[in-house]
């Protein structure tokens, strides 16, 4: 196989039979419906980033996830930090 003929698809072809597939939709999904479901999931995400967990005491110690929380707009000790 020459360098110009190499494709990523040829590399993963033996594993493709194991991977799950997503079926094509039966109908065309309107843009407004896609926008609705996207906004609902975004709202749930943002709510989970703000709900504190019961029993978690905030401390002033070093925080290894500080920058992750800045990027995700989350607070320390919330459901999002737990991974829900």
Protein backbone atom coordinates (compact mmCIF):
# COMPACT_ATOMS: atom_id res chain seq x y z
CA UNK A 1 0.00 0.00 0.00
CA UNK A 2 1.60 3.26 -1.08
CA UNK A 3 1.47 6.42 1.01
CA UNK A 4 -0.92 8.14 -1.40
CA UNK A 5 -3.36 5.20 -1.34
CA UNK A 6 -3.74 4.92 2.47
CA UNK A 7 -7.20 5.72 3.87
CA UNK A 8 -8.45 5.76 7.44
CA UNK A 9 -11.54 3.78 6.39
CA UNK A 10 -9.33 0.89 5.27
CA UNK A 11 -7.74 0.84 8.71
CA UNK A 12 -11.02 0.55 10.65
CA UNK A 13 -12.89 -1.69 8.17
CA UNK A 14 -12.29 -4.89 10.25
CA UNK A 15 -13.91 -3.23 13.29
CA UNK A 16 -16.91 -1.81 11.40
CA UNK A 17 -19.01 -4.97 11.90
CA UNK A 18 -18.86 -4.47 15.70
CA UNK A 19 -19.82 -0.78 15.75
CA UNK A 20 -23.51 0.08 16.18
CA UNK A 21 -25.29 1.81 13.34
CA UNK A 22 -27.86 4.59 13.36
CA UNK A 23 -30.81 4.12 11.03
CA UNK A 24 -31.79 6.80 8.56
CA UNK A 25 -34.84 8.79 9.71
CA UNK A 26 -38.17 7.72 8.24
CA UNK A 27 -39.08 11.34 7.55
CA UNK A 28 -37.25 14.61 7.04
CA UNK A 29 -36.76 16.23 10.46
CA UNK A 30 -37.73 19.92 10.27
CA UNK A 31 -35.19 22.48 11.40
CA UNK A 32 -37.56 23.86 14.06
CA UNK A 33 -37.82 20.41 15.68
CA UNK A 34 -34.03 20.03 15.69
CA UNK A 35 -33.72 23.48 17.22
CA UNK A 36 -36.34 22.59 19.87
CA UNK A 37 -34.54 19.41 20.99
CA UNK A 38 -31.16 21.16 20.95
CA UNK A 39 -32.45 23.99 23.14
CA UNK A 40 -34.10 21.54 25.57
CA UNK A 41 -30.87 19.58 25.99
CA UNK A 42 -28.88 22.80 26.42
CA UNK A 43 -31.32 23.97 29.09
CA UNK A 44 -31.01 20.66 31.00
CA UNK A 45 -27.21 20.88 30.74
CA UNK A 46 -27.14 24.44 32.12
CA UNK A 47 -29.53 23.56 34.97
CA UNK A 48 -27.37 20.56 35.96
CA UNK A 49 -24.34 22.86 36.01
CA UNK A 50 -25.97 24.99 38.72
CA UNK A 51 -27.72 22.47 41.03
CA UNK A 52 -25.51 21.83 44.09
CA UNK A 53 -25.11 18.37 45.56
CA UNK A 54 -26.31 17.83 49.12
CA UNK A 55 -23.47 17.34 51.59
CA UNK A 56 -20.65 18.72 49.44
CA UNK A 57 -18.64 21.25 51.43
CA UNK A 58 -16.87 23.86 49.36
CA UNK A 59 -13.31 24.53 50.44
CA UNK A 60 -10.59 26.94 49.43
CA UNK A 61 -8.12 24.14 48.63
CA UNK A 62 -6.56 23.68 45.20
CA UNK A 63 -9.04 22.87 42.48
CA UNK A 64 -7.72 20.67 39.65
CA UNK A 65 -10.89 21.12 37.57
CA UNK A 66 -11.01 24.93 37.75
CA UNK A 67 -10.46 25.54 34.04
CA UNK A 68 -12.87 22.79 33.05
CA UNK A 69 -15.53 24.52 35.16
CA UNK A 70 -14.73 27.86 33.53
CA UNK A 71 -15.17 26.36 30.06
CA UNK A 72 -18.39 24.48 30.94
CA UNK A 73 -19.86 27.35 33.03
CA UNK A 74 -20.26 25.05 36.02
CA UNK A 75 -19.88 25.51 39.77
CA UNK A 76 -17.91 23.35 42.20
CA UNK A 77 -19.94 20.52 43.74
CA UNK A 78 -22.76 20.43 41.18
CA UNK A 79 -24.47 17.58 39.33
CA UNK A 80 -22.34 18.22 36.26
CA UNK A 81 -19.15 17.70 38.26
CA UNK A 82 -20.56 14.37 39.47
CA UNK A 83 -21.09 13.36 35.86
CA UNK A 84 -24.88 13.22 35.64
